[in-house]
Protein backbone atom coordinates (compact mmCIF):
# COMPACT_ATOMS: atom_id res chain seq x y z
CA UNK A 1 -51.91 45.44 3.99
CA UNK A 2 -51.18 44.55 0.38
CA UNK A 3 -53.84 44.73 -2.29
CA UNK A 4 -53.39 44.02 -5.96
CA UNK A 5 -54.94 46.26 -8.57
CA UNK A 6 -57.18 44.32 -10.93
CA UNK A 7 -56.26 40.82 -9.72
CA UNK A 8 -56.45 38.85 -6.52
CA UNK A 9 -53.45 38.37 -4.23
CA UNK A 10 -53.35 34.71 -5.20
CA UNK A 11 -53.24 35.57 -8.88
CA UNK A 12 -50.52 38.14 -8.20
CA UNK A 13 -48.37 35.46 -6.58
CA UNK A 14 -48.87 33.25 -9.61
CA UNK A 15 -47.96 36.18 -11.83
CA UNK A 16 -44.72 36.72 -9.95
CA UNK A 17 -43.88 33.02 -10.17
CA UNK A 18 -44.45 32.95 -13.92
CA UNK A 19 -42.34 36.08 -14.26
CA UNK A 20 -39.51 34.46 -12.34
CA UNK A 21 -39.49 31.62 -14.81
CA UNK A 22 -39.41 34.08 -17.69
CA UNK A 23 -36.00 35.24 -16.44
CA UNK A 24 -33.26 32.90 -17.71
CA UNK A 25 -30.99 31.16 -15.23
CA UNK A 26 -28.36 30.57 -17.91
CA UNK A 27 -27.22 32.47 -20.97
CA UNK A 28 -27.19 29.31 -23.05
CA UNK A 29 -29.67 26.84 -24.40
CA UNK A 30 -30.77 23.20 -24.59
CA UNK A 31 -33.91 21.30 -25.58
CA UNK A 32 -36.43 21.87 -22.78
CA UNK A 33 -39.16 19.68 -24.22
CA UNK A 34 -40.31 17.81 -27.34
CA UNK A 35 -43.93 17.75 -28.48
CA UNK A 36 -45.81 16.21 -31.40
CA UNK A 37 -47.61 18.73 -33.60
CA UNK A 38 -51.15 17.75 -34.61
CA UNK A 39 -52.62 18.24 -38.05
CA UNK A 40 -54.17 21.55 -36.98
CA UNK A 41 -50.84 22.92 -35.74
CA UNK A 42 -51.55 22.35 -32.03
CA UNK A 43 -49.25 20.42 -29.71
CA UNK A 44 -50.80 17.06 -28.81
CA UNK A 45 -50.17 13.99 -26.68
CA UNK A 46 -47.42 13.30 -24.21
CA UNK A 47 -44.40 15.57 -23.85
CA UNK A 48 -40.93 14.11 -24.25
CA UNK A 49 -37.55 15.11 -22.89
CA UNK A 50 -33.83 14.80 -23.33
CA UNK A 51 -31.99 12.06 -21.53
CA UNK A 52 -31.35 12.75 -17.84
CA UNK A 53 -33.45 15.90 -17.99
CA UNK A 54 -33.58 18.19 -14.93
CA UNK A 55 -36.46 20.68 -14.76
CA UNK A 56 -35.56 24.30 -14.04
CA UNK A 57 -37.95 24.15 -11.07
CA UNK A 58 -36.12 21.15 -9.60
CA UNK A 59 -33.87 21.69 -6.58
CA UNK A 60 -31.11 19.78 -8.40
CA UNK A 61 -31.09 22.23 -11.27
CA UNK A 62 -28.07 24.43 -11.90
CA UNK A 63 -26.58 26.05 -14.99
CA UNK A 64 -24.87 22.81 -16.00
CA UNK A 65 -27.60 20.24 -15.33
CA UNK A 66 -28.66 20.14 -19.00
CA UNK A 67 -26.11 22.37 -20.72
CA UNK A 68 -23.37 20.77 -22.82
CA UNK A 69 -20.99 23.18 -24.53
CA UNK A 70 -18.33 22.16 -27.06
CA UNK A 71 -15.50 23.02 -26.58
CA UNK A 72 -16.18 22.91 -22.85
CA UNK A 73 -14.66 26.05 -21.26
CA UNK A 74 -14.24 24.17 -17.98
CA UNK A 75 -12.30 21.27 -19.49
CA UNK A 76 -10.90 22.58 -22.77
CA UNK A 77 -9.24 25.67 -21.35
CA UNK A 78 -7.86 27.90 -24.09
CA UNK A 79 -9.25 25.69 -26.88
CA UNK A 80 -11.28 27.54 -29.50
CA UNK A 81 -12.04 24.82 -32.07
CA UNK A 82 -14.05 21.64 -31.92
CA UNK A 83 -11.82 18.60 -32.55
CA UNK A 84 -12.40 14.93 -33.33
CA UNK A 85 -12.22 13.79 -29.71
CA UNK A 86 -15.00 15.94 -28.23
CA UNK A 87 -18.03 13.98 -27.06
CA UNK A 88 -21.45 14.64 -28.51
CA UNK A 89 -23.61 14.36 -25.37
CA UNK A 90 -23.76 15.75 -21.85
CA UNK A 91 -22.41 13.22 -19.29
CA UNK A 92 -25.98 12.51 -18.12
CA UNK A 93 -27.16 12.01 -21.71
CA UNK A 94 -24.73 9.36 -22.95
CA UNK A 95 -27.18 6.55 -22.24
CA UNK A 96 -30.98 6.36 -22.47
CA UNK A 97 -31.61 7.81 -19.03
CA UNK A 98 -35.29 8.64 -18.33
CA UNK A 99 -37.73 8.95 -15.45
CA UNK A 100 -41.50 8.62 -15.18
CA UNK A 101 -41.80 12.40 -14.92
CA UNK A 102 -39.62 13.11 -17.96
CA UNK A 103 -40.07 10.25 -20.43
CA UNK A 104 -38.98 9.86 -24.02
CA UNK A 105 -41.37 11.12 -26.69
CA UNK A 106 -43.65 8.72 -28.58
CA UNK A 107 -43.94 9.44 -32.30
CA UNK A 108 -45.57 7.95 -35.38
CA UNK A 109 -43.94 7.99 -38.83
CA UNK A 110 -45.19 11.12 -40.58
CA UNK A 111 -45.43 13.17 -37.37
CA UNK A 112 -44.02 16.66 -37.09
CA UNK A 113 -42.22 17.28 -33.81
CA UNK A 114 -41.28 20.56 -32.12
CA UNK A 115 -38.01 20.56 -30.18
CA UNK A 116 -38.54 23.52 -27.83
CA UNK A 117 -35.93 25.73 -26.19
CA UNK A 118 -35.47 29.23 -24.73
CA UNK A 119 -33.87 31.96 -26.80
CA UNK A 120 -32.24 33.65 -23.77
CA UNK A 121 -31.67 36.90 -25.65
CA UNK A 122 -29.77 35.34 -28.55
CA UNK A 123 -32.60 36.48 -30.86
CA UNK A 124 -33.87 39.65 -29.20
CA UNK A 125 -30.44 40.90 -28.05
CA UNK A 126 -28.15 39.64 -30.85
CA UNK A 127 -25.48 42.29 -30.24
CA UNK A 128 -24.61 40.96 -26.79
CA UNK A 129 -22.06 39.49 -26.94
CA UNK A 130 -20.65 40.86 -30.18
CA UNK A 131 -19.46 38.79 -33.10
CA UNK A 132 -22.30 36.26 -33.05
CA UNK A 133 -24.13 34.97 -36.15
CA UNK A 134 -27.37 36.30 -37.57
CA UNK A 135 -30.66 34.65 -36.56
CA UNK A 136 -29.03 33.37 -33.37
CA UNK A 137 -26.95 30.82 -35.26
CA UNK A 138 -27.89 27.49 -36.83
CA UNK A 139 -29.44 24.31 -35.45
CA UNK A 140 -28.75 20.92 -36.98
CA UNK A 141 -30.77 17.85 -36.06
CA UNK A 142 -29.42 14.35 -36.67
CA UNK A 143 -30.87 10.90 -35.99
CA UNK A 144 -29.54 7.38 -35.61
CA UNK A 145 -30.75 3.88 -34.78
CA UNK A 146 -27.33 3.02 -33.37
CA UNK A 147 -26.30 5.61 -30.76
CA UNK A 148 -22.90 5.31 -29.13
CA UNK A 149 -22.07 6.19 -25.58
CA UNK A 150 -18.88 7.85 -26.81
CA UNK A 151 -20.43 9.49 -29.90
CA UNK A 152 -18.26 12.34 -31.17
CA UNK A 153 -19.65 15.66 -32.39
CA UNK A 154 -17.12 15.71 -35.22
CA UNK A 155 -18.42 12.36 -36.54
CA UNK A 156 -22.08 13.39 -36.31
CA UNK A 157 -21.47 16.63 -38.21
CA UNK A 158 -20.38 14.56 -41.21
CA UNK A 159 -23.71 12.79 -41.61
CA UNK A 160 -25.90 13.74 -44.56
CA UNK A 161 -29.60 13.36 -45.34
CA UNK A 162 -29.16 10.01 -47.06
CA UNK A 163 -27.03 8.57 -44.27
CA UNK A 164 -24.22 7.79 -46.69
CA UNK A 165 -21.59 10.24 -45.43
CA UNK A 166 -18.96 10.02 -42.73
CA UNK A 167 -19.09 6.80 -40.73
CA UNK A 168 -22.63 6.12 -41.93
CA UNK A 169 -23.90 5.99 -38.36
CA UNK A 170 -26.92 8.24 -38.89
CA UNK A 171 -28.51 10.92 -41.02
CA UNK A 172 -29.22 14.66 -41.12
CA UNK A 173 -32.87 15.40 -40.35
CA UNK A 174 -32.96 19.20 -40.60
CA UNK A 175 -30.97 22.41 -40.30
CA UNK A 176 -32.77 25.61 -39.36
CA UNK A 177 -32.16 29.06 -37.96
CA UNK A 178 -32.09 29.22 -34.16
CA UNK A 179 -34.69 31.99 -34.47
CA UNK A 180 -38.05 30.48 -35.44
CA UNK A 181 -39.49 33.93 -36.18
CA UNK A 182 -41.78 33.99 -33.13
CA UNK A 183 -39.81 33.36 -29.94
CA UNK A 184 -38.65 35.99 -27.48
CA UNK A 185 -37.26 36.61 -24.04
CA UNK A 186 -39.10 39.15 -21.90
CA UNK A 187 -36.81 42.18 -22.10
CA UNK A 188 -36.93 45.81 -23.20
CA UNK A 189 -35.26 45.39 -26.60
CA UNK A 190 -37.26 46.65 -29.61
CA UNK A 191 -37.46 43.16 -31.12
CA UNK A 192 -38.72 41.60 -27.88
CA UNK A 193 -41.34 44.32 -27.45
CA UNK A 194 -42.48 43.86 -31.05
CA UNK A 195 -42.83 40.11 -30.66
CA UNK A 196 -44.54 40.40 -27.28
CA UNK A 197 -47.19 42.48 -29.01
CA UNK A 198 -47.48 40.26 -32.10
CA UNK A 199 -47.23 36.89 -30.32
CA UNK A 200 -48.61 37.30 -26.77
CA UNK A 201 -48.06 34.23 -24.58
CA UNK A 202 -50.25 34.16 -21.46
CA UNK A 203 -50.67 31.39 -18.87
CA UNK A 204 -54.19 29.90 -18.93
CA UNK A 205 -56.69 32.23 -17.29
CA UNK A 206 -54.09 34.92 -16.64
CA UNK A 207 -54.36 37.49 -19.44
CA UNK A 208 -52.48 40.04 -17.33
CA UNK A 209 -49.32 37.93 -17.23
CA UNK A 210 -46.73 37.89 -19.99
CA UNK A 211 -44.38 34.92 -20.27
CA UNK A 212 -41.42 34.11 -22.45
CA UNK A 213 -42.23 32.62 -25.83
CA UNK A 214 -40.11 29.54 -26.43
CA UNK A 215 -38.39 28.78 -29.73
CA UNK A 216 -38.72 25.52 -31.61
CA UNK A 217 -36.91 23.42 -34.17
CA UNK A 218 -39.44 21.54 -36.30
CA UNK A 219 -38.63 18.10 -37.67
CA UNK A 220 -40.50 15.44 -39.62
CA UNK A 221 -40.42 11.80 -38.52
CA UNK A 222 -39.77 10.15 -41.86
CA UNK A 223 -42.31 7.56 -43.02
CA UNK A 224 -39.42 5.19 -43.74
CA UNK A 225 -38.47 4.95 -40.07
CA UNK A 226 -39.32 1.55 -38.62
CA UNK A 227 -42.31 1.21 -36.29
CA UNK A 228 -41.52 -0.43 -32.93
CA UNK A 229 -38.02 1.03 -32.99
CA UNK A 230 -36.24 3.79 -31.13
CA UNK A 231 -34.40 6.65 -32.78
CA UNK A 232 -31.85 8.80 -31.01
CA UNK A 233 -31.96 12.47 -31.96
CA UNK A 234 -28.99 14.81 -31.66
CA UNK A 235 -29.86 18.52 -31.52
CA UNK A 236 -26.81 20.69 -32.30
CA UNK A 237 -26.77 24.49 -32.03
CA UNK A 238 -23.85 26.32 -33.63
CA UNK A 239 -23.23 29.78 -32.13
CA UNK A 240 -19.68 30.62 -33.14
CA UNK A 241 -17.82 33.90 -32.69
CA UNK A 242 -16.66 35.68 -35.84
CA UNK A 243 -12.97 36.17 -36.65
CA UNK A 244 -11.85 39.69 -35.84
CA UNK A 245 -14.12 40.01 -32.81
CA UNK A 246 -12.52 41.75 -29.84
CA UNK A 247 -10.27 39.34 -27.90
CA UNK A 248 -11.05 36.60 -30.44
CA UNK A 249 -8.90 37.40 -33.47
CA UNK A 250 -9.31 33.99 -35.09
CA UNK A 251 -12.90 33.35 -34.14
CA UNK A 252 -14.20 30.61 -31.86
CA UNK A 253 -16.38 27.52 -32.23
CA UNK A 254 -19.27 27.24 -29.81
CA UNK A 255 -21.68 24.33 -30.00
CA UNK A 256 -24.45 23.27 -27.63
CA UNK A 257 -26.11 19.87 -27.85
CA UNK A 258 -29.05 17.90 -26.49
CA UNK A 259 -29.43 14.13 -26.91
CA UNK A 260 -32.86 12.52 -26.73
CA UNK A 261 -34.64 9.35 -27.80
CA UNK A 262 -38.02 8.87 -29.46
CA UNK A 263 -40.08 5.70 -29.40
CA UNK A 264 -41.60 5.04 -32.83
CA UNK A 265 -45.04 3.44 -32.39
CA UNK A 266 -48.04 2.55 -34.56
CA UNK A 267 -50.66 5.22 -35.07
CA UNK A 268 -53.37 2.90 -33.73
CA UNK A 269 -51.35 2.33 -30.56
CA UNK A 270 -51.39 6.02 -29.78
CA UNK A 271 -54.81 6.64 -31.35
CA UNK A 272 -53.75 9.85 -33.03
CA UNK A 273 -56.24 9.76 -35.89
CA UNK A 274 -58.62 11.92 -33.89
CA UNK A 275 -55.80 14.25 -32.74
CA UNK A 276 -57.59 14.95 -29.46
CA UNK A 277 -55.03 13.63 -26.99
CA UNK A 278 -54.53 15.81 -23.94
CA UNK A 279 -51.00 16.95 -23.16
CA UNK A 280 -49.33 14.91 -20.43
CA UNK A 281 -45.97 15.00 -18.60
CA UNK A 282 -45.89 18.78 -18.51
CA UNK A 283 -43.18 20.80 -16.85
CA UNK A 284 -43.94 22.44 -13.52
CA UNK A 285 -43.91 25.77 -15.31
CA UNK A 286 -45.17 24.61 -18.68
CA UNK A 287 -44.85 26.93 -21.67
CA UNK A 288 -48.47 28.11 -22.14
CA UNK A 289 -48.16 28.22 -25.93
CA UNK A 290 -50.52 25.64 -27.47
CA UNK A 291 -49.63 25.93 -31.16
CA UNK A 292 -46.51 25.49 -33.23
CA UNK A 293 -45.13 28.25 -35.44
CA UNK A 294 -47.29 28.74 -38.52
CA UNK A 295 -44.67 27.46 -40.98
CA UNK A 296 -43.62 24.33 -39.07
CA UNK A 297 -44.19 22.13 -42.12
CA UNK A 298 -42.14 24.23 -44.50
CA UNK A 299 -39.12 25.24 -42.39
CA UNK A 300 -37.32 22.08 -43.48
CA UNK A 301 -33.63 22.43 -44.08
CA UNK A 302 -31.57 25.48 -44.99
CA UNK A 303 -28.23 25.32 -46.76
CA UNK A 304 -25.40 27.52 -45.59
CA UNK A 305 -21.97 28.19 -47.01
CA UNK A 306 -19.57 27.55 -44.15
CA UNK A 307 -16.19 29.12 -43.62
CA UNK A 308 -13.34 26.76 -42.83
CA UNK A 309 -10.85 28.32 -40.44
CA UNK A 310 -7.49 26.56 -39.92
CA UNK A 311 -6.89 26.28 -36.19
CA UNK A 312 -3.12 26.02 -36.55
CA UNK A 313 -2.99 29.51 -38.02
CA UNK A 314 -3.52 30.80 -34.51
CA UNK A 315 -1.29 28.31 -32.78
CA UNK A 316 -4.06 26.90 -30.61
CA UNK A 317 -3.21 23.78 -28.59
CA UNK A 318 -6.32 22.06 -29.93
CA UNK A 319 -4.93 21.71 -33.46
CA UNK A 320 -1.91 19.80 -34.66
CA UNK A 321 -0.35 20.16 -38.08
CA UNK A 322 -1.65 17.60 -40.54
CA UNK A 323 -4.94 16.89 -38.78
CA UNK A 324 -8.38 17.64 -40.16
CA UNK A 325 -9.55 21.24 -40.04
CA UNK A 326 -12.69 21.87 -37.97
CA UNK A 327 -15.57 23.89 -39.32
CA UNK A 328 -17.04 27.19 -38.26
CA UNK A 329 -20.82 27.52 -38.60
CA UNK A 330 -20.73 31.11 -39.84
CA UNK A 331 -22.05 31.90 -43.31
CA UNK A 332 -20.13 34.00 -45.81
CA UNK A 333 -22.70 36.79 -45.55
CA UNK A 334 -22.35 36.88 -41.79
CA UNK A 335 -18.55 37.06 -41.86
CA UNK A 336 -18.83 40.16 -44.03
CA UNK A 337 -15.82 42.46 -43.92
CA UNK A 338 -13.86 40.01 -41.78
CA UNK A 339 -13.28 37.78 -44.78
CA UNK A 340 -10.19 38.34 -46.90
CA UNK A 341 -12.16 37.39 -50.01
CA UNK A 342 -15.62 36.21 -50.95
CA UNK A 343 -16.37 32.50 -50.80
CA UNK A 344 -18.38 30.88 -53.60
CA UNK A 345 -22.13 30.64 -53.09
CA UNK A 346 -23.74 27.24 -52.64
CA UNK A 347 -27.36 26.35 -53.27
CA UNK A 348 -29.63 25.55 -50.32
CA UNK A 349 -29.23 21.78 -50.42
CA UNK A 350 -29.78 19.29 -47.62
CA UNK A 351 -26.19 18.75 -46.62
CA UNK A 352 -24.25 18.46 -43.40
CA UNK A 353 -21.67 20.98 -42.14
CA UNK A 354 -18.65 18.94 -43.12
CA UNK A 355 -20.04 18.23 -46.58
CA UNK A 356 -20.12 21.99 -47.10
CA UNK A 357 -16.34 22.05 -46.81
CA UNK A 358 -16.14 20.77 -50.36
CA UNK A 359 -18.14 23.77 -51.55
CA UNK A 360 -16.07 26.36 -49.70
CA UNK A 361 -12.48 27.43 -50.10
CA UNK A 362 -10.30 27.20 -47.02
CA UNK A 363 -9.59 30.68 -45.72
CA UNK A 364 -7.63 32.05 -42.81
CA UNK A 365 -8.89 35.17 -41.10
CA UNK A 366 -6.05 35.90 -38.72
CA UNK A 367 -4.64 39.27 -37.85
CA UNK A 368 -0.93 40.02 -38.03
CA UNK A 369 -0.21 39.09 -34.43
CA UNK A 370 -2.40 35.99 -34.52
CA UNK A 371 -3.49 36.68 -30.97
CA UNK A 372 -6.60 35.21 -29.42
CA UNK A 373 -8.15 34.54 -26.06
CA UNK A 374 -11.24 32.81 -24.78
CA UNK A 375 -14.28 35.02 -24.49
CA UNK A 376 -15.98 34.59 -21.14
CA UNK A 377 -19.57 33.46 -21.19
CA UNK A 378 -21.83 36.41 -20.55
CA UNK A 379 -24.88 35.68 -18.48
CA UNK A 380 -27.71 37.77 -19.83
CA UNK A 381 -30.24 38.80 -17.21
CA UNK A 382 -33.44 40.74 -17.23
CA UNK A 383 -33.95 43.22 -14.39
CA UNK A 384 -36.47 41.58 -12.12
CA UNK A 385 -38.15 44.75 -10.94
CA UNK A 386 -38.77 45.96 -14.52
CA UNK A 387 -40.30 42.63 -15.51
CA UNK A 388 -42.54 42.47 -12.48
CA UNK A 389 -43.86 46.00 -12.73
CA UNK A 390 -44.65 45.48 -16.40
CA UNK A 391 -46.58 42.31 -15.56
CA UNK A 392 -48.87 43.23 -12.67
CA UNK A 393 -49.62 46.40 -10.72
CA UNK A 394 -49.23 46.09 -6.94
CA UNK A 395 -50.46 48.77 -4.52
CA UNK A 396 -49.14 48.88 -0.96
CA UNK A 397 -51.38 50.43 1.69
């Protein structure tokens, strides 16, 4: 007979289920959910999702259902730099593809929105794999009223806050650290343990159960955006590998994207003045957190000095002489001793990655042999037995 110390058998089963969902099924990240943030900092109203979203609890879910990596290691074999031909969105996200269970988000001009995702150890275990940027990398968010089915990442990265740069197809909404200062994966690292203590995240009515604390990118829906319109939002995470890293002498671009739409409606239509709307369209294993990070209004946009790395210096097949040079998302401070000289500092302005090229000197960080190879994706896992035993005590009799 099995008895559970301190909780009922039913609650223990729920605890185990929540723990299972705290263990990542993929080492990489996408937008799991979008939620409006009320004036008191709480999430309110209906949840929204990326195009073609597949819930982790769905039988159709696998590691590639929502993940879109650029360059794609399955298709761009041996390619280490983003080029002008690489598509912005996952194949299932190239059109506005929604279901009744996972609809687009409704927003009102002036709303703050949290784009929520799992950190998967990129914050709490930043050393694994080596050569990755501080704070888990950088997230850029862009918006457009005129999305293209064949939108290119290279084109989107040129957009600026005013919408006047590149092809003028959209604008930069925000750029923020991947790490929001609160999120964590359930693991035994010192940073995870610290955050679990400081920011406990329990399912409703289950104080004995610890669950993963999701991260968020916080954006403002500009008051100038037209009511009764739809905006398409591109979420771009840059998680490059530094030059000089083992097996990656020249460094490696690594972007992940999510593409989602938001319906811009009138405040009276959604009746948000009272800010008492219940949350609808939840996930099967909904993140129990009810409030946004404390500084969601002030996170805004960070400016970073980017290092431009010529692809042709390494002889990669993805770069041809005379073509534009892609951009690495690493800051000068993060490159550290790998850099041959110090790049000039730029002020924290609201600018897009490719605009930063003008403020950075082109440098090549290539060793004498110029050798490089693709670094295999490392799936980070948390030992199930350790997580379970730290969540609920089970006695067998």
